[in-house]
Amino acid sequence: MISPSERTGTDEKGSFVRAMFGRIAPRYDLANRVLTAGLDERWRRRAIRLLAPPHGGRVLDCCCGTGDLVFGLQHADATLQVVGIDFCAPMLERAKRRMSRKARGDARFVEGDVMAMPFENNSFDGATMGFSLRNVVDIDATLREILRVLRPGTRFVSLDVTKAPNRAYKRLFDLYFYGLVPLIGGIVGGSRSAYAYLPNSLTHHPNAAQLRDRFIRAGFTEAGYCALMGGAIAIHYGTKPPVLSGVEG
């Protein structure tokens, strides 16, 4: 059980993260492109290829923000039915405004918490998450909830920043991530405090190998990750176990 003090702490983090993303929603997309020199779009395409959703399948994008992965999934396969869920209303409002330009098929956006999603068990043929697992209140609870809504045999893929294993590269990346990102993000994104929090959210986040183990602990099989940018970016993945013959899912 979660103690009252722990519950207060998690509620405070959730409220803080929701308000923070609400402040930066209007310029969030521009800031992402500037801060990554446009590489974030390439990383998302790599994550979508790893997901490999079935033609005509129903896919969930968790913590969808302004919809980059939702629209990326549809660009990869216009037959996909894509649902984006996020608990930040200003982010969802921006995603909906982008639909007329970006959507290529059946897309919809739902306001909700990824730790308690309003979907039935075994509802989706795949799930994604981009740059958000660091910000959830409880990683393990989030992974279990995503596992619940996936159909057996389908995959969850998460793209995020991680801790580069090479010390020299990590030192250089940390100079950029902790030093320049708050400065550039403050100018382009409109909130230096928000772009100071986002790098700091990595400080207590598990490294790539530890996060893979959390996937396994949550119940995913075939869990692993692809390291990009010298290991500073990782795409984690895991599969919901198939239902064994004679065993009810």
Protein backbone atom coordinates (compact mmCIF):
# COMPACT_ATOMS: atom_id res chain seq x y z
CA MET A 1 0.00 0.00 0.00
CA ILE A 2 1.04 3.62 -0.53
CA SER A 3 1.38 5.58 2.67
CA PRO A 4 -0.33 8.99 3.06
CA SER A 5 3.04 10.76 2.79
CA GLU A 6 3.94 8.85 -0.38
CA ARG A 7 0.50 9.57 -1.85
CA THR A 8 0.98 13.28 -1.13
CA GLY A 9 4.35 13.20 -2.85
CA THR A 10 3.05 11.44 -5.94
CA ASP A 11 0.04 13.74 -6.17
CA GLU A 12 2.32 16.77 -5.93
CA LYS A 13 4.60 15.45 -8.69
CA GLY A 14 1.64 14.73 -10.96
CA SER A 15 0.21 18.20 -10.43
CA PHE A 16 3.60 19.82 -11.00
CA VAL A 17 4.28 17.91 -14.22
CA ARG A 18 0.78 18.63 -15.57
CA ALA A 19 1.12 22.37 -14.90
CA MET A 20 4.65 22.48 -16.29
CA PHE A 21 3.70 20.87 -19.60
CA GLY A 22 0.66 23.12 -19.76
CA ARG A 23 2.95 26.18 -19.65
CA ILE A 24 5.22 25.02 -22.46
CA ALA A 25 2.54 23.48 -24.72
CA PRO A 26 2.27 26.44 -27.16
CA ARG A 27 5.96 26.26 -28.15
CA TYR A 28 6.75 22.66 -27.23
CA ASP A 29 7.12 21.36 -30.79
CA LEU A 30 9.42 24.17 -31.87
CA ALA A 31 11.59 23.72 -28.76
CA ASN A 32 11.93 19.98 -29.43
CA ARG A 33 13.09 20.56 -32.99
CA VAL A 34 15.60 23.21 -31.94
CA LEU A 35 16.98 21.29 -28.95
CA THR A 36 17.52 18.09 -30.97
CA ALA A 37 18.40 19.73 -34.30
CA GLY A 38 15.44 17.84 -35.74
CA LEU A 39 16.83 14.43 -34.78
CA ASP A 40 13.84 13.68 -32.54
CA GLU A 41 11.74 13.00 -35.64
CA ARG A 42 14.27 10.45 -36.86
CA TRP A 43 14.28 8.75 -33.43
CA ARG A 44 10.49 8.52 -33.48
CA ARG A 45 10.55 6.85 -36.90
CA ARG A 46 13.03 4.31 -35.51
CA ALA A 47 10.73 3.63 -32.55
CA ILE A 48 7.75 3.11 -34.88
CA ARG A 49 9.72 0.61 -36.96
CA LEU A 50 10.54 -1.31 -33.78
CA LEU A 51 6.86 -1.36 -32.79
CA ALA A 52 5.90 -2.88 -36.16
CA PRO A 53 2.13 -2.67 -35.55
CA PRO A 54 -0.14 -4.82 -37.70
CA HIS A 55 -1.76 -3.27 -40.77
CA GLY A 56 -5.14 -1.89 -39.70
CA GLY A 57 -4.30 -2.32 -36.01
CA ARG A 58 -5.30 -0.17 -33.05
CA VAL A 59 -2.33 1.55 -31.38
CA LEU A 60 -2.06 3.58 -28.17
CA ASP A 61 0.36 6.47 -27.67
CA CYS A 62 0.86 7.09 -23.95
CA CYS A 63 1.60 10.62 -22.70
CA CYS A 64 0.99 11.72 -26.28
CA GLY A 65 1.59 15.43 -25.71
CA THR A 66 1.03 17.36 -28.92
CA GLY A 67 0.72 14.19 -30.99
CA ASP A 68 4.10 13.68 -32.66
CA LEU A 69 4.06 9.91 -32.29
CA VAL A 70 0.35 9.69 -33.08
CA PHE A 71 0.86 11.45 -36.40
CA GLY A 72 4.13 9.61 -37.00
CA LEU A 73 2.35 6.28 -36.66
CA GLN A 74 -0.25 7.37 -39.20
CA HIS A 75 2.41 8.58 -41.63
CA ALA A 76 4.01 5.14 -41.38
CA ASP A 77 0.66 3.36 -41.94
CA ALA A 78 -2.52 5.33 -42.63
CA THR A 79 -4.67 2.26 -41.84
CA LEU A 80 -3.77 2.39 -38.15
CA GLN A 81 -6.35 3.52 -35.61
CA VAL A 82 -4.30 5.60 -33.17
CA VAL A 83 -5.41 6.79 -29.74
CA GLY A 84 -3.33 9.33 -27.85
CA ILE A 85 -3.76 9.74 -24.10
CA ASP A 86 -2.37 12.52 -21.93
CA PHE A 87 -3.37 14.17 -18.64
CA CYS A 88 -2.38 17.68 -19.75
CA ALA A 89 -5.33 19.45 -21.40
CA PRO A 90 -3.28 22.23 -23.10
CA MET A 91 -1.08 19.60 -24.78
CA LEU A 92 -4.16 17.76 -26.03
CA GLU A 93 -5.70 20.98 -27.30
CA ARG A 94 -2.59 21.63 -29.38
CA ALA A 95 -2.63 18.04 -30.66
CA LYS A 96 -6.22 18.44 -31.80
CA ARG A 97 -5.39 21.69 -33.58
CA ARG A 98 -2.61 19.92 -35.46
CA MET A 99 -4.92 17.16 -36.70
CA SER A 100 -6.09 18.96 -39.83
CA ARG A 101 -2.49 19.25 -41.04
CA LYS A 102 -0.94 16.08 -39.63
CA ALA A 103 -3.52 13.30 -39.33
CA ARG A 104 -3.71 10.78 -42.16
CA GLY A 105 -6.27 8.38 -40.78
CA ASP A 106 -8.30 7.52 -37.70
CA ALA A 107 -6.81 9.44 -34.76
CA ARG A 108 -8.36 10.57 -31.50
CA PHE A 109 -7.14 12.06 -28.25
CA VAL A 110 -8.27 11.18 -24.73
CA GLU A 111 -7.57 13.05 -21.51
CA GLY A 112 -6.48 10.57 -18.86
CA ASP A 113 -3.76 9.25 -16.56
CA VAL A 114 -1.49 6.51 -17.94
CA MET A 115 -1.51 4.83 -14.52
CA ALA A 116 -5.29 4.33 -14.68
CA MET A 117 -6.40 4.35 -18.31
CA PRO A 118 -10.07 4.23 -19.37
CA PHE A 119 -9.57 1.25 -21.68
CA GLU A 120 -10.55 -2.41 -21.45
CA ASN A 121 -7.98 -5.17 -21.03
CA ASN A 122 -6.36 -6.37 -24.27
CA SER A 123 -7.54 -3.35 -26.28
CA PHE A 124 -4.51 -2.41 -28.38
CA ASP A 125 -2.19 -3.95 -30.97
CA GLY A 126 0.76 -1.92 -29.76
CA ALA A 127 1.69 1.05 -27.60
CA THR A 128 4.28 3.81 -27.71
CA MET A 129 5.61 6.53 -25.45
CA GLY A 130 7.99 9.35 -26.30
CA PHE A 131 10.18 11.25 -23.82
CA SER A 132 7.73 10.74 -20.96
CA LEU A 133 8.57 7.70 -18.84
CA ARG A 134 10.95 9.90 -16.80
CA ASN A 135 8.01 12.08 -15.83
CA VAL A 136 5.43 9.56 -14.67
CA VAL A 137 4.73 9.30 -10.96
CA ASP A 138 5.35 5.53 -10.80
CA ILE A 139 7.27 3.75 -13.58
CA ASP A 140 6.34 0.24 -12.46
CA ALA A 141 2.63 1.03 -12.15
CA THR A 142 2.70 2.69 -15.57
CA LEU A 143 4.36 -0.33 -17.19
CA ARG A 144 1.83 -2.71 -15.62
CA GLU A 145 -1.06 -0.55 -16.83
CA ILE A 146 0.30 -0.46 -20.37
CA LEU A 147 0.74 -4.24 -20.25
CA ARG A 148 -2.89 -4.58 -19.19
CA VAL A 149 -4.33 -2.75 -22.19
CA LEU A 150 -2.13 -4.49 -24.76
CA ARG A 151 -3.28 -7.60 -26.59
CA PRO A 152 -1.14 -10.71 -25.98
CA GLY A 153 1.81 -10.91 -28.32
CA THR A 154 1.97 -7.16 -29.00
CA ARG A 155 4.72 -4.71 -28.14
CA PHE A 156 5.30 -1.54 -26.13
CA VAL A 157 8.08 0.81 -27.29
CA SER A 158 9.38 3.77 -25.26
CA LEU A 159 11.75 6.42 -26.61
CA ASP A 160 13.56 8.58 -24.06
CA VAL A 161 16.75 10.19 -22.89
CA THR A 162 18.96 7.96 -20.76
CA LYS A 163 22.38 7.92 -19.09
CA ALA A 164 25.20 7.40 -21.59
CA PRO A 165 27.50 4.58 -20.42
CA ASN A 166 30.66 6.12 -21.89
CA ARG A 167 32.08 8.57 -19.33
CA ALA A 168 33.62 10.97 -21.84
CA TYR A 169 30.46 11.10 -23.94
CA LYS A 170 28.28 11.38 -20.83
CA ARG A 171 30.34 14.35 -19.65
CA LEU A 172 29.82 16.16 -22.95
CA PHE A 173 26.14 15.26 -23.10
CA ASP A 174 25.59 16.40 -19.51
CA LEU A 175 27.14 19.78 -20.31
CA TYR A 176 24.56 20.19 -23.05
CA PHE A 177 21.60 18.58 -21.29
CA TYR A 178 21.98 20.23 -17.90
CA GLY A 179 23.63 23.45 -19.04
CA LEU A 180 22.41 24.51 -22.47
CA VAL A 181 18.97 22.87 -22.57
CA PRO A 182 17.53 25.08 -19.78
CA LEU A 183 18.98 28.17 -21.46
CA ILE A 184 17.84 27.35 -25.01
CA GLY A 185 14.57 25.87 -23.80
CA GLY A 186 13.86 28.99 -21.79
CA ILE A 187 14.33 31.18 -24.85
CA VAL A 188 12.55 29.00 -27.40
CA GLY A 189 10.09 27.16 -25.17
CA GLY A 190 9.18 30.10 -22.97
CA SER A 191 9.95 28.59 -19.55
CA ARG A 192 13.48 28.17 -18.25
CA SER A 193 12.23 26.48 -15.07
CA ALA A 194 10.43 23.83 -17.12
CA TYR A 195 13.48 23.12 -19.24
CA ALA A 196 15.59 22.95 -16.10
CA TYR A 197 13.23 20.33 -14.65
CA LEU A 198 13.21 18.13 -17.77
CA PRO A 199 16.97 17.38 -17.71
CA ASN A 200 16.90 16.96 -13.93
CA SER A 201 14.16 14.35 -14.29
CA LEU A 202 16.89 12.05 -15.62
CA THR A 203 18.95 12.26 -12.43
CA HIS A 204 16.99 9.63 -10.49
CA HIS A 205 15.71 7.75 -13.53
CA PRO A 206 17.01 4.18 -14.00
CA ASN A 207 19.74 3.70 -16.58
CA ALA A 208 18.99 1.79 -19.78
CA ALA A 209 19.79 -1.68 -18.42
CA GLN A 210 17.87 -1.03 -15.19
CA LEU A 211 14.84 0.17 -17.12
CA ARG A 212 14.92 -2.95 -19.28
CA ASP A 213 14.83 -4.97 -16.05
CA ARG A 214 11.81 -2.94 -14.90
CA PHE A 215 10.06 -3.94 -18.15
CA ILE A 216 10.74 -7.59 -17.31
CA ARG A 217 9.59 -7.15 -13.72
CA ALA A 218 6.33 -5.60 -14.93
CA GLY A 219 5.63 -8.72 -17.00
CA PHE A 220 7.02 -7.94 -20.46
CA THR A 221 8.98 -10.58 -22.34
CA GLU A 222 11.64 -10.15 -25.03
CA ALA A 223 12.56 -6.86 -23.34
CA GLY A 224 15.54 -4.89 -24.56
CA TYR A 225 16.67 -1.53 -25.85
CA CYS A 226 18.46 0.15 -28.75
CA ALA A 227 21.05 2.75 -27.78
CA LEU A 228 21.32 5.87 -29.95
CA MET A 229 23.55 8.95 -29.82
CA GLY A 230 26.32 7.23 -27.90
CA GLY A 231 23.81 5.76 -25.46
CA ALA A 232 22.28 9.10 -24.45
CA ILE A 233 19.01 8.15 -26.17
CA ALA A 234 17.40 4.72 -25.83
CA ILE A 235 14.41 2.97 -27.35
CA HIS A 236 13.13 0.35 -24.91
CA TYR A 237 10.75 -2.38 -25.97
CA GLY A 238 8.92 -5.35 -24.54
CA THR A 239 6.20 -7.79 -25.58
CA LYS A 240 3.08 -8.84 -23.71
CA PRO A 241 3.33 -12.60 -23.33
CA PRO A 242 1.05 -14.60 -25.65
CA VAL A 243 -1.82 -16.53 -24.11
CA LEU A 244 -0.87 -20.17 -23.70
CA SER A 245 -3.21 -22.76 -25.13
CA GLY A 246 -5.90 -23.61 -22.62
CA VAL A 247 -5.11 -20.60 -20.42
CA GLU A 248 -7.54 -17.69 -20.24
CA GLY A 249 -5.98 -14.22 -20.82
